[in-house]
Amino acid sequence: MTDIAAIILAAGRSTRFAGRSDSATKLVAALSGKPLVRHVAEAALLSAARPVIVVTGHQGAEVEAVLQGLDVSFAANPDYATGLASSLRRGVAALPATCSGALILLGDMPLVSVALIDRLIGAFERGLAEHAPAPLAAAPVKAGERGNPVLLGRDLFAAIATLEGDRGARSLIDSLGPRIVECLVEDDGALVDVDTREALRMLDRA
């Protein structure tokens, strides 16, 4: 059984989606009748990843409410306004000590599939067993573009703890060279996020 966890980042303020006068978080907006973040959480729960941890911040109560009934745990990030790095640090800090890695899922990427999540886990675990030096991360690549989610190995957790501001793990991933497992995929979900209301409308129509 895998010891790869899933961390869903769901703490941001969604400023491009909400606009200046609207404090709502896009993560509870509906796609095909279901909140964006619930799409992500359900995919994680159907995958091999365990546990599934949701990092909340802006409108945390609303995010938790739309995830009721799911086997997820919540990690509140009171510093969410400082940027993405604080949520990533909070999620990693909430992981069990036994985890050898964690998938970082974004709450506004509702098309990420169970198959994609499990493929990343499988590729990373095979790398740990078969290659020296062992891989430090895994990521999907579609048409030459690296997407999400990314899987970060335990050996990167200390570096994640030093990140500040609105920086995610991208800077760490880009510096790994051959120690990242790249999975070539045809899955559009690896690249599709929802930043604006128009993007949500277009995705819903599609």
N, C-alpha and C. Protein backbone atom coordinates (compact mmCIF):
# COMPACT_ATOMS: atom_id res chain seq x y z
N MET A 1 0.85 -1.20 0.00
CA MET A 1 0.00 0.00 0.00
C MET A 1 0.88 1.25 0.00
N THR A 2 0.48 2.26 -0.77
CA THR A 2 1.29 3.46 -0.90
C THR A 2 1.35 4.25 0.40
N ASP A 3 2.46 4.98 0.58
CA ASP A 3 2.52 5.92 1.70
C ASP A 3 2.70 7.34 1.15
N ILE A 4 2.05 7.58 0.03
CA ILE A 4 2.01 8.91 -0.59
C ILE A 4 0.70 9.57 -0.19
N ALA A 5 0.80 10.76 0.38
CA ALA A 5 -0.38 11.51 0.79
C ALA A 5 -0.83 12.45 -0.34
N ALA A 6 -1.97 13.08 -0.14
CA ALA A 6 -2.44 14.13 -1.04
C ALA A 6 -2.73 15.38 -0.22
N ILE A 7 -2.21 16.50 -0.69
CA ILE A 7 -2.49 17.80 -0.08
C ILE A 7 -3.24 18.64 -1.10
N ILE A 8 -4.43 19.09 -0.73
CA ILE A 8 -5.23 19.94 -1.61
C ILE A 8 -5.12 21.37 -1.11
N LEU A 9 -4.58 22.25 -1.93
CA LEU A 9 -4.43 23.66 -1.54
C LEU A 9 -5.72 24.39 -1.87
N ALA A 10 -6.41 24.84 -0.82
CA ALA A 10 -7.74 25.45 -0.98
C ALA A 10 -7.89 26.65 -0.06
N ALA A 11 -6.83 27.46 0.04
CA ALA A 11 -6.83 28.55 1.01
C ALA A 11 -6.85 29.94 0.38
N GLY A 12 -6.64 30.04 -0.92
CA GLY A 12 -6.43 31.34 -1.54
C GLY A 12 -7.66 32.22 -1.62
N ARG A 13 -7.42 33.49 -1.95
CA ARG A 13 -8.50 34.48 -1.98
C ARG A 13 -9.23 34.57 -3.31
N SER A 14 -8.74 33.93 -4.34
CA SER A 14 -9.44 33.87 -5.64
C SER A 14 -9.74 35.27 -6.17
N THR A 15 -8.77 36.17 -6.12
CA THR A 15 -9.04 37.56 -6.46
C THR A 15 -9.42 37.74 -7.93
N ARG A 16 -8.84 36.99 -8.83
CA ARG A 16 -9.18 37.13 -10.26
C ARG A 16 -10.60 36.64 -10.53
N PHE A 17 -11.05 35.69 -9.75
CA PHE A 17 -12.40 35.15 -9.92
C PHE A 17 -13.43 36.03 -9.25
N ALA A 18 -13.12 36.47 -8.04
CA ALA A 18 -14.12 37.17 -7.23
C ALA A 18 -14.32 38.62 -7.64
N GLY A 19 -13.26 39.29 -8.07
CA GLY A 19 -13.38 40.71 -8.33
C GLY A 19 -13.22 41.52 -7.07
N ARG A 20 -13.25 42.82 -7.18
CA ARG A 20 -12.96 43.70 -6.05
C ARG A 20 -14.04 43.69 -4.98
N SER A 21 -15.30 43.51 -5.38
CA SER A 21 -16.40 43.67 -4.42
C SER A 21 -16.96 42.35 -3.92
N ASP A 22 -16.39 41.23 -4.36
CA ASP A 22 -16.94 39.92 -4.04
C ASP A 22 -15.90 39.13 -3.26
N SER A 23 -16.25 38.69 -2.06
CA SER A 23 -15.30 37.96 -1.22
C SER A 23 -15.42 36.44 -1.39
N ALA A 24 -16.31 36.01 -2.29
CA ALA A 24 -16.53 34.57 -2.43
C ALA A 24 -15.29 33.88 -2.97
N THR A 25 -15.08 32.64 -2.55
CA THR A 25 -14.00 31.85 -3.10
C THR A 25 -14.53 31.02 -4.26
N LYS A 26 -13.75 30.96 -5.32
CA LYS A 26 -14.17 30.20 -6.49
C LYS A 26 -14.27 28.71 -6.19
N LEU A 27 -13.62 28.25 -5.14
CA LEU A 27 -13.56 26.82 -4.87
C LEU A 27 -14.91 26.21 -4.54
N VAL A 28 -15.87 27.03 -4.13
CA VAL A 28 -17.21 26.50 -3.86
C VAL A 28 -18.16 26.74 -5.03
N ALA A 29 -17.67 27.38 -6.09
CA ALA A 29 -18.49 27.58 -7.28
C ALA A 29 -18.73 26.22 -7.96
N ALA A 30 -19.87 26.08 -8.59
CA ALA A 30 -20.27 24.77 -9.13
C ALA A 30 -19.78 24.57 -10.56
N LEU A 31 -19.27 23.38 -10.81
CA LEU A 31 -18.98 22.88 -12.15
C LEU A 31 -19.76 21.59 -12.31
N SER A 32 -20.65 21.55 -13.28
CA SER A 32 -21.52 20.38 -13.47
C SER A 32 -22.26 20.04 -12.19
N GLY A 33 -22.69 21.08 -11.46
CA GLY A 33 -23.49 20.88 -10.27
C GLY A 33 -22.73 20.51 -9.02
N LYS A 34 -21.40 20.57 -9.07
CA LYS A 34 -20.59 20.17 -7.92
C LYS A 34 -19.50 21.21 -7.69
N PRO A 35 -19.22 21.60 -6.43
CA PRO A 35 -18.19 22.58 -6.16
C PRO A 35 -16.82 22.16 -6.71
N LEU A 36 -16.07 23.12 -7.22
CA LEU A 36 -14.77 22.84 -7.82
C LEU A 36 -13.90 21.99 -6.89
N VAL A 37 -13.78 22.42 -5.64
CA VAL A 37 -12.88 21.73 -4.73
C VAL A 37 -13.36 20.32 -4.42
N ARG A 38 -14.65 20.07 -4.50
CA ARG A 38 -15.15 18.72 -4.25
C ARG A 38 -14.76 17.78 -5.39
N HIS A 39 -14.75 18.28 -6.62
CA HIS A 39 -14.24 17.47 -7.74
C HIS A 39 -12.83 16.97 -7.41
N VAL A 40 -11.99 17.89 -6.94
CA VAL A 40 -10.59 17.56 -6.65
C VAL A 40 -10.50 16.56 -5.50
N ALA A 41 -11.25 16.81 -4.44
CA ALA A 41 -11.19 15.94 -3.27
C ALA A 41 -11.68 14.53 -3.60
N GLU A 42 -12.73 14.43 -4.38
CA GLU A 42 -13.26 13.10 -4.72
C GLU A 42 -12.28 12.33 -5.58
N ALA A 43 -11.59 13.00 -6.49
CA ALA A 43 -10.57 12.32 -7.29
C ALA A 43 -9.44 11.82 -6.40
N ALA A 44 -9.01 12.65 -5.46
CA ALA A 44 -7.94 12.24 -4.55
C ALA A 44 -8.35 11.02 -3.73
N LEU A 45 -9.59 11.02 -3.27
CA LEU A 45 -10.07 9.92 -2.43
C LEU A 45 -10.25 8.62 -3.21
N LEU A 46 -10.48 8.71 -4.50
CA LEU A 46 -10.60 7.50 -5.32
C LEU A 46 -9.23 6.98 -5.77
N SER A 47 -8.19 7.74 -5.49
CA SER A 47 -6.83 7.34 -5.86
C SER A 47 -6.19 6.56 -4.74
N ALA A 48 -4.93 6.19 -4.97
CA ALA A 48 -4.16 5.45 -3.96
C ALA A 48 -3.60 6.35 -2.86
N ALA A 49 -3.71 7.66 -3.01
CA ALA A 49 -3.11 8.58 -2.03
C ALA A 49 -3.86 8.57 -0.71
N ARG A 50 -3.15 8.53 0.38
CA ARG A 50 -3.70 8.62 1.73
C ARG A 50 -2.63 9.12 2.69
N PRO A 51 -3.00 9.98 3.64
CA PRO A 51 -4.31 10.61 3.80
C PRO A 51 -4.50 11.74 2.80
N VAL A 52 -5.72 12.30 2.78
CA VAL A 52 -6.01 13.47 1.96
C VAL A 52 -6.23 14.64 2.90
N ILE A 53 -5.38 15.64 2.77
CA ILE A 53 -5.40 16.81 3.65
C ILE A 53 -5.77 18.04 2.83
N VAL A 54 -6.75 18.80 3.31
CA VAL A 54 -7.19 20.01 2.63
C VAL A 54 -6.72 21.22 3.44
N VAL A 55 -5.92 22.07 2.82
CA VAL A 55 -5.45 23.29 3.49
C VAL A 55 -6.44 24.40 3.21
N THR A 56 -7.03 24.95 4.26
CA THR A 56 -8.04 26.00 4.12
C THR A 56 -7.50 27.33 4.64
N GLY A 57 -8.17 28.39 4.24
CA GLY A 57 -7.79 29.73 4.69
C GLY A 57 -8.93 30.68 4.43
N HIS A 58 -8.90 31.39 3.30
CA HIS A 58 -9.99 32.29 2.93
C HIS A 58 -11.28 31.50 2.82
N GLN A 59 -12.31 31.97 3.53
CA GLN A 59 -13.61 31.31 3.56
C GLN A 59 -13.47 29.81 3.85
N GLY A 60 -12.67 29.52 4.85
CA GLY A 60 -12.42 28.13 5.21
C GLY A 60 -13.66 27.37 5.61
N ALA A 61 -14.58 28.02 6.30
CA ALA A 61 -15.81 27.34 6.72
C ALA A 61 -16.64 26.92 5.52
N GLU A 62 -16.68 27.76 4.48
CA GLU A 62 -17.43 27.43 3.28
C GLU A 62 -16.80 26.26 2.53
N VAL A 63 -15.48 26.25 2.47
CA VAL A 63 -14.78 25.14 1.82
C VAL A 63 -15.04 23.84 2.58
N GLU A 64 -14.92 23.89 3.90
CA GLU A 64 -15.18 22.68 4.69
C GLU A 64 -16.63 22.20 4.50
N ALA A 65 -17.55 23.14 4.41
CA ALA A 65 -18.96 22.76 4.29
C ALA A 65 -19.24 21.96 3.02
N VAL A 66 -18.61 22.35 1.90
CA VAL A 66 -18.89 21.64 0.65
C VAL A 66 -18.14 20.31 0.56
N LEU A 67 -17.27 20.05 1.53
CA LEU A 67 -16.54 18.78 1.57
C LEU A 67 -17.06 17.85 2.67
N GLN A 68 -18.17 18.25 3.29
CA GLN A 68 -18.74 17.42 4.35
C GLN A 68 -19.06 16.02 3.83
N GLY A 69 -18.80 15.03 4.67
CA GLY A 69 -19.08 13.64 4.30
C GLY A 69 -17.93 12.95 3.61
N LEU A 70 -16.88 13.67 3.26
CA LEU A 70 -15.71 13.07 2.62
C LEU A 70 -14.64 12.78 3.67
N ASP A 71 -13.87 11.73 3.44
CA ASP A 71 -12.84 11.30 4.38
C ASP A 71 -11.56 12.10 4.18
N VAL A 72 -11.66 13.40 4.46
CA VAL A 72 -10.51 14.29 4.37
C VAL A 72 -10.29 14.93 5.74
N SER A 73 -9.06 15.38 5.97
CA SER A 73 -8.79 16.17 7.16
C SER A 73 -8.42 17.59 6.72
N PHE A 74 -8.59 18.53 7.63
CA PHE A 74 -8.37 19.94 7.31
C PHE A 74 -7.20 20.50 8.10
N ALA A 75 -6.42 21.34 7.43
CA ALA A 75 -5.32 22.04 8.08
C ALA A 75 -5.52 23.52 7.79
N ALA A 76 -5.88 24.28 8.80
CA ALA A 76 -6.16 25.71 8.62
C ALA A 76 -4.85 26.49 8.51
N ASN A 77 -4.81 27.39 7.54
CA ASN A 77 -3.64 28.24 7.34
C ASN A 77 -4.03 29.69 7.65
N PRO A 78 -3.71 30.17 8.84
CA PRO A 78 -4.08 31.55 9.17
C PRO A 78 -3.28 32.59 8.39
N ASP A 79 -2.19 32.17 7.76
CA ASP A 79 -1.34 33.09 7.02
C ASP A 79 -1.58 33.04 5.51
N TYR A 80 -2.75 32.57 5.09
CA TYR A 80 -3.02 32.35 3.68
C TYR A 80 -2.81 33.61 2.84
N ALA A 81 -3.05 34.78 3.42
CA ALA A 81 -2.95 36.02 2.65
C ALA A 81 -1.52 36.33 2.23
N THR A 82 -0.53 35.67 2.83
CA THR A 82 0.86 35.91 2.46
C THR A 82 1.25 35.20 1.18
N GLY A 83 0.41 34.29 0.70
CA GLY A 83 0.70 33.63 -0.56
C GLY A 83 0.71 32.13 -0.47
N LEU A 84 0.94 31.52 -1.62
CA LEU A 84 0.84 30.07 -1.78
C LEU A 84 1.82 29.31 -0.90
N ALA A 85 3.00 29.86 -0.70
CA ALA A 85 4.03 29.13 0.06
C ALA A 85 3.56 28.77 1.46
N SER A 86 2.82 29.64 2.11
CA SER A 86 2.38 29.36 3.47
C SER A 86 1.42 28.17 3.51
N SER A 87 0.59 28.04 2.49
CA SER A 87 -0.33 26.90 2.43
C SER A 87 0.42 25.60 2.16
N LEU A 88 1.41 25.68 1.30
CA LEU A 88 2.22 24.50 1.03
C LEU A 88 2.97 24.06 2.28
N ARG A 89 3.54 25.01 2.99
CA ARG A 89 4.23 24.68 4.25
C ARG A 89 3.26 24.07 5.25
N ARG A 90 2.07 24.63 5.36
CA ARG A 90 1.09 24.13 6.33
C ARG A 90 0.66 22.71 5.99
N GLY A 91 0.45 22.44 4.72
CA GLY A 91 0.06 21.10 4.33
C GLY A 91 1.13 20.07 4.62
N VAL A 92 2.37 20.39 4.30
CA VAL A 92 3.48 19.46 4.56
C VAL A 92 3.66 19.24 6.06
N ALA A 93 3.47 20.28 6.85
CA ALA A 93 3.61 20.14 8.30
C ALA A 93 2.54 19.22 8.89
N ALA A 94 1.41 19.08 8.20
CA ALA A 94 0.32 18.25 8.71
C ALA A 94 0.46 16.78 8.31
N LEU A 95 1.46 16.44 7.52
CA LEU A 95 1.61 15.07 7.04
C LEU A 95 2.08 14.13 8.15
N PRO A 96 1.64 12.88 8.11
CA PRO A 96 2.19 11.88 9.03
C PRO A 96 3.68 11.68 8.76
N ALA A 97 4.41 11.33 9.78
CA ALA A 97 5.86 11.14 9.64
C ALA A 97 6.20 9.97 8.73
N THR A 98 5.25 9.08 8.48
CA THR A 98 5.50 7.90 7.67
C THR A 98 5.43 8.17 6.17
N CYS A 99 4.95 9.34 5.76
CA CYS A 99 4.78 9.62 4.33
C CYS A 99 6.12 9.75 3.62
N SER A 100 6.25 9.07 2.50
CA SER A 100 7.47 9.21 1.70
C SER A 100 7.32 10.30 0.65
N GLY A 101 6.13 10.86 0.53
CA GLY A 101 5.92 11.94 -0.42
C GLY A 101 4.50 12.43 -0.35
N ALA A 102 4.22 13.50 -1.08
CA ALA A 102 2.87 14.07 -1.09
C ALA A 102 2.57 14.65 -2.46
N LEU A 103 1.40 14.33 -2.96
CA LEU A 103 0.88 14.96 -4.17
C LEU A 103 0.30 16.32 -3.79
N ILE A 104 0.65 17.34 -4.56
CA ILE A 104 0.14 18.67 -4.31
C ILE A 104 -0.92 18.97 -5.36
N LEU A 105 -2.18 18.98 -4.92
CA LEU A 105 -3.32 19.22 -5.80
C LEU A 105 -3.84 20.63 -5.57
N LEU A 106 -4.21 21.29 -6.64
CA LEU A 106 -4.76 22.64 -6.55
C LEU A 106 -6.28 22.57 -6.58
N GLY A 107 -6.90 23.27 -5.66
CA GLY A 107 -8.35 23.20 -5.53
C GLY A 107 -9.12 23.75 -6.70
N ASP A 108 -8.44 24.46 -7.63
CA ASP A 108 -9.14 25.02 -8.79
C ASP A 108 -8.82 24.25 -10.06
N MET A 109 -8.36 22.99 -9.93
CA MET A 109 -8.08 22.16 -11.10
C MET A 109 -8.99 20.93 -11.07
N PRO A 110 -10.27 21.10 -11.42
CA PRO A 110 -11.27 20.05 -11.20
C PRO A 110 -11.22 18.89 -12.18
N LEU A 111 -10.40 18.99 -13.23
CA LEU A 111 -10.36 17.92 -14.22
C LEU A 111 -9.23 16.92 -14.00
N VAL A 112 -8.45 17.11 -12.95
CA VAL A 112 -7.40 16.14 -12.65
C VAL A 112 -8.05 14.79 -12.34
N SER A 113 -7.60 13.77 -13.02
CA SER A 113 -8.26 12.46 -12.94
C SER A 113 -7.60 11.54 -11.92
N VAL A 114 -8.36 10.55 -11.49
CA VAL A 114 -7.83 9.52 -10.62
C VAL A 114 -6.68 8.80 -11.31
N ALA A 115 -6.84 8.52 -12.60
CA ALA A 115 -5.80 7.82 -13.34
C ALA A 115 -4.50 8.60 -13.36
N LEU A 116 -4.57 9.91 -13.51
CA LEU A 116 -3.37 10.73 -13.52
C LEU A 116 -2.69 10.70 -12.15
N ILE A 117 -3.47 10.84 -11.09
CA ILE A 117 -2.90 10.80 -9.74
C ILE A 117 -2.19 9.47 -9.50
N ASP A 118 -2.86 8.38 -9.83
CA ASP A 118 -2.27 7.06 -9.58
C ASP A 118 -1.05 6.81 -10.47
N ARG A 119 -1.07 7.36 -11.68
CA ARG A 119 0.10 7.18 -12.55
C ARG A 119 1.32 7.88 -11.96
N LEU A 120 1.14 9.06 -11.43
CA LEU A 120 2.26 9.78 -10.81
C LEU A 120 2.79 9.01 -9.60
N ILE A 121 1.88 8.50 -8.78
CA ILE A 121 2.31 7.73 -7.61
C ILE A 121 3.09 6.50 -8.05
N GLY A 122 2.57 5.77 -9.03
CA GLY A 122 3.24 4.57 -9.49
C GLY A 122 4.61 4.86 -10.06
N ALA A 123 4.72 5.92 -10.87
CA ALA A 123 6.01 6.26 -11.47
C ALA A 123 7.04 6.66 -10.42
N PHE A 124 6.59 7.41 -9.43
CA PHE A 124 7.51 7.85 -8.38
C PHE A 124 7.97 6.65 -7.55
N GLU A 125 7.06 5.78 -7.18
CA GLU A 125 7.43 4.64 -6.35
C GLU A 125 8.33 3.66 -7.11
N ARG A 126 8.10 3.50 -8.42
CA ARG A 126 9.02 2.67 -9.20
C ARG A 126 10.40 3.29 -9.24
N GLY A 127 10.44 4.61 -9.35
CA GLY A 127 11.73 5.29 -9.34
C GLY A 127 12.49 5.09 -8.05
N LEU A 128 11.77 5.14 -6.93
CA LEU A 128 12.41 4.91 -5.63
C LEU A 128 13.01 3.51 -5.57
N ALA A 129 12.32 2.54 -6.16
CA ALA A 129 12.76 1.15 -6.08
C ALA A 129 13.86 0.81 -7.07
N GLU A 130 13.90 1.52 -8.21
CA GLU A 130 14.72 1.06 -9.32
C GLU A 130 15.89 1.96 -9.67
N HIS A 131 15.89 3.20 -9.21
CA HIS A 131 16.90 4.15 -9.69
C HIS A 131 17.76 4.70 -8.56
N ALA A 132 19.01 4.96 -8.90
CA ALA A 132 19.93 5.63 -7.99
C ALA A 132 20.66 6.72 -8.78
N PRO A 133 20.66 7.96 -8.31
CA PRO A 133 19.96 8.40 -7.11
C PRO A 133 18.44 8.38 -7.30
N ALA A 134 17.74 8.24 -6.19
CA ALA A 134 16.29 8.14 -6.23
C ALA A 134 15.67 9.46 -6.68
N PRO A 135 14.51 9.41 -7.33
CA PRO A 135 13.84 10.65 -7.73
C PRO A 135 13.38 11.45 -6.51
N LEU A 136 13.29 12.76 -6.71
CA LEU A 136 12.83 13.65 -5.66
C LEU A 136 11.40 14.12 -5.90
N ALA A 137 10.91 13.94 -7.11
CA ALA A 137 9.58 14.44 -7.45
C ALA A 137 9.09 13.76 -8.72
N ALA A 138 7.80 13.94 -9.00
CA ALA A 138 7.21 13.48 -10.25
C ALA A 138 6.19 14.52 -10.71
N ALA A 139 6.08 14.67 -12.02
CA ALA A 139 5.15 15.66 -12.57
C ALA A 139 4.65 15.20 -13.93
N PRO A 140 3.42 15.58 -14.30
CA PRO A 140 2.91 15.27 -15.63
C PRO A 140 3.41 16.29 -16.65
N VAL A 141 3.62 15.84 -17.88
CA VAL A 141 4.02 16.73 -18.97
C VAL A 141 3.10 16.45 -20.16
N LYS A 142 2.45 17.49 -20.64
CA LYS A 142 1.57 17.38 -21.81
C LYS A 142 2.04 18.35 -22.88
N ALA A 143 2.33 17.83 -24.05
CA ALA A 143 2.75 18.66 -25.19
C ALA A 143 3.91 19.57 -24.81
N GLY A 144 4.86 19.04 -24.03
CA GLY A 144 6.05 19.78 -23.66
C GLY A 144 5.88 20.72 -22.48
N GLU A 145 4.68 20.80 -21.93
CA GLU A 145 4.42 21.72 -20.81
C GLU A 145 4.20 20.93 -19.53
N ARG A 146 4.93 21.29 -18.49
CA ARG A 146 4.79 20.62 -17.21
C ARG A 146 3.53 21.13 -16.51
N GLY A 147 2.74 20.19 -15.98
CA GLY A 147 1.48 20.55 -15.37
C GLY A 147 1.38 20.15 -13.91
N ASN A 148 0.15 19.94 -13.48
CA ASN A 148 -0.16 19.57 -12.10
C ASN A 148 -1.10 18.38 -12.09
N PRO A 149 -1.15 17.64 -10.98
CA PRO A 149 -0.43 17.87 -9.73
C PRO A 149 1.03 17.44 -9.82
N VAL A 150 1.82 17.90 -8.86
CA VAL A 150 3.18 17.42 -8.73
C VAL A 150 3.28 16.57 -7.47
N LEU A 151 4.17 15.62 -7.52
CA LEU A 151 4.42 14.78 -6.36
C LEU A 151 5.79 15.13 -5.81
N LEU A 152 5.85 15.51 -4.55
CA LEU A 152 7.09 15.91 -3.91
C LEU A 152 7.53 14.84 -2.93
N GLY A 153 8.74 14.37 -3.08
CA GLY A 153 9.28 13.38 -2.16
C GLY A 153 9.66 13.99 -0.83
N ARG A 154 9.77 13.14 0.18
CA ARG A 154 10.10 13.60 1.53
C ARG A 154 11.40 14.40 1.58
N ASP A 155 12.35 14.09 0.73
CA ASP A 155 13.63 14.79 0.77
C ASP A 155 13.51 16.26 0.37
N LEU A 156 12.35 16.65 -0.16
CA LEU A 156 12.12 18.06 -0.49
C LEU A 156 11.39 18.82 0.60
N PHE A 157 10.90 18.11 1.61
CA PHE A 157 10.06 18.77 2.62
C PHE A 157 10.81 19.87 3.37
N ALA A 158 12.08 19.66 3.64
CA ALA A 158 12.84 20.69 4.36
C ALA A 158 12.96 21.96 3.51
N ALA A 159 13.15 21.80 2.20
CA ALA A 159 13.24 22.96 1.32
C ALA A 159 11.90 23.68 1.23
N ILE A 160 10.81 22.93 1.24
CA ILE A 160 9.48 23.54 1.20
C ILE A 160 9.26 24.42 2.42
N ALA A 161 9.79 24.01 3.55
CA ALA A 161 9.62 24.78 4.79
C ALA A 161 10.28 26.14 4.71
N THR A 162 11.16 26.37 3.74
CA THR A 162 11.85 27.65 3.61
C THR A 162 11.20 28.58 2.59
N LEU A 163 10.19 28.10 1.86
CA LEU A 163 9.57 28.92 0.83
C LEU A 163 8.78 30.07 1.46
N GLU A 164 8.75 31.18 0.77
CA GLU A 164 8.03 32.36 1.25
C GLU A 164 7.21 32.97 0.13
N GLY A 165 6.22 33.78 0.51
CA GLY A 165 5.46 34.56 -0.45
C GLY A 165 4.55 33.72 -1.32
N ASP A 166 4.36 34.15 -2.56
CA ASP A 166 3.43 33.48 -3.47
C ASP A 166 4.15 32.48 -4.36
N ARG A 167 5.13 31.81 -3.80
CA ARG A 167 5.89 30.80 -4.54
C ARG A 167 5.43 29.41 -4.13
N GLY A 168 5.07 28.62 -5.12
CA GLY A 168 4.78 27.22 -4.85
C GLY A 168 6.04 26.40 -4.99
N ALA A 169 5.87 25.16 -5.38
CA ALA A 169 7.01 24.25 -5.50
C ALA A 169 7.69 24.35 -6.86
N ARG A 170 7.21 25.22 -7.75
CA ARG A 170 7.73 25.27 -9.11
C ARG A 170 9.24 25.51 -9.14
N SER A 171 9.72 26.43 -8.31
CA SER A 171 11.15 26.73 -8.33
C SER A 171 11.98 25.52 -7.90
N LEU A 172 11.46 24.74 -6.97
CA LEU A 172 12.17 23.54 -6.54
C LEU A 172 12.16 22.50 -7.66
N ILE A 173 10.99 22.29 -8.26
CA ILE A 173 10.84 21.30 -9.32
C ILE A 173 11.77 21.62 -10.48
N ASP A 174 11.83 22.88 -10.88
CA ASP A 174 12.61 23.26 -12.05
C ASP A 174 14.10 23.06 -11.85
N SER A 175 14.53 22.93 -10.61
CA SER A 175 15.97 22.79 -10.35
C SER A 175 16.42 21.34 -10.19
N LEU A 176 15.50 20.39 -10.34
CA LEU A 176 15.83 19.00 -10.02
C LEU A 176 16.53 18.24 -11.13
N GLY A 177 16.44 18.73 -12.36
CA GLY A 177 17.10 18.04 -13.47
C GLY A 177 16.62 16.61 -13.61
N PRO A 178 17.55 15.65 -13.69
CA PRO A 178 17.14 14.25 -13.90
C PRO A 178 16.48 13.60 -12.69
N ARG A 179 16.42 14.30 -11.56
CA ARG A 179 15.83 13.69 -10.37
C ARG A 179 14.34 13.96 -10.25
N ILE A 180 13.74 14.35 -11.36
CA ILE A 180 12.28 14.42 -11.42
C ILE A 180 11.80 13.41 -12.45
N VAL A 181 10.78 12.65 -12.09
CA VAL A 181 10.15 11.72 -13.02
C VAL A 181 9.10 12.49 -13.80
N GLU A 182 9.25 12.54 -15.11
CA GLU A 182 8.26 13.22 -15.94
C GLU A 182 7.37 12.18 -16.61
N CYS A 183 6.08 12.30 -16.40
CA CYS A 183 5.09 11.38 -16.99
C CYS A 183 4.44 12.08 -18.17
N LEU A 184 4.69 11.57 -19.37
CA LEU A 184 4.05 12.14 -20.56
C LEU A 184 2.59 11.72 -20.58
N VAL A 185 1.70 12.70 -20.65
CA VAL A 185 0.27 12.42 -20.55
C VAL A 185 -0.50 13.11 -21.68
N GLU A 186 -1.70 12.61 -21.94
CA GLU A 186 -2.63 13.25 -22.86
C GLU A 186 -3.80 13.87 -22.10
N ASP A 187 -3.73 13.83 -20.79
CA ASP A 187 -4.81 14.26 -19.91
C ASP A 187 -4.85 15.78 -19.84
N ASP A 188 -5.91 16.39 -20.40
CA ASP A 188 -6.05 17.85 -20.36
C ASP A 188 -6.13 18.38 -18.93
N GLY A 189 -6.60 17.54 -18.01
CA GLY A 189 -6.76 17.99 -16.64
C GLY A 189 -5.47 18.45 -15.99
N ALA A 190 -4.33 18.03 -16.52
CA ALA A 190 -3.05 18.43 -15.95
C ALA A 190 -2.74 19.91 -16.17
N LEU A 191 -3.46 20.53 -17.10
CA LEU A 191 -3.16 21.92 -17.44
C LEU A 191 -4.33 22.88 -17.22
N VAL A 192 -5.51 22.36 -16.93
CA VAL A 192 -6.71 23.20 -16.88
C VAL A 192 -7.01 23.65 -15.45
N ASP A 193 -6.94 24.96 -15.24
CA ASP A 193 -7.38 25.50 -13.96
C ASP A 193 -8.46 26.54 -14.21
N VAL A 194 -9.09 26.98 -13.13
CA VAL A 194 -10.20 27.93 -13.24
C VAL A 194 -9.81 29.19 -12.49
N ASP A 195 -9.46 30.24 -13.25
CA ASP A 195 -9.03 31.49 -12.62
C ASP A 195 -10.12 32.56 -12.63
N THR A 196 -11.03 32.48 -13.59
CA THR A 196 -12.04 33.52 -13.75
C THR A 196 -13.43 32.91 -13.91
N ARG A 197 -14.46 33.73 -13.73
CA ARG A 197 -15.82 33.25 -13.93
C ARG A 197 -16.04 32.83 -15.38
N GLU A 198 -15.43 33.55 -16.31
CA GLU A 198 -15.59 33.18 -17.71
C GLU A 198 -14.96 31.81 -17.99
N ALA A 199 -13.80 31.55 -17.38
CA ALA A 199 -13.17 30.24 -17.55
C ALA A 199 -14.08 29.14 -17.01
N LEU A 200 -14.76 29.40 -15.90
CA LEU A 200 -15.68 28.41 -15.34
C LEU A 200 -16.86 28.20 -16.28
N ARG A 201 -17.40 29.27 -16.83
CA ARG A 201 -18.54 29.14 -17.75
C ARG A 201 -18.15 28.34 -18.98
N MET A 202 -16.97 28.61 -19.52
CA MET A 202 -16.51 27.90 -20.70
C MET A 202 -16.30 26.41 -20.39
N LEU A 203 -15.75 26.13 -19.23
CA LEU A 203 -15.52 24.73 -18.86
C LEU A 203 -16.83 24.02 -18.64
N ASP A 204 -17.79 24.69 -18.04
CA ASP A 204 -19.09 24.09 -17.79
C ASP A 204 -19.81 23.78 -19.11
N ARG A 205 -19.67 24.68 -20.07
CA ARG A 205 -20.29 24.45 -21.38
C ARG A 205 -19.62 23.28 -22.10
N ALA A 206 -18.32 23.16 -21.92
CA ALA A 206 -17.58 22.09 -22.59
C ALA A 206 -17.92 20.74 -22.02
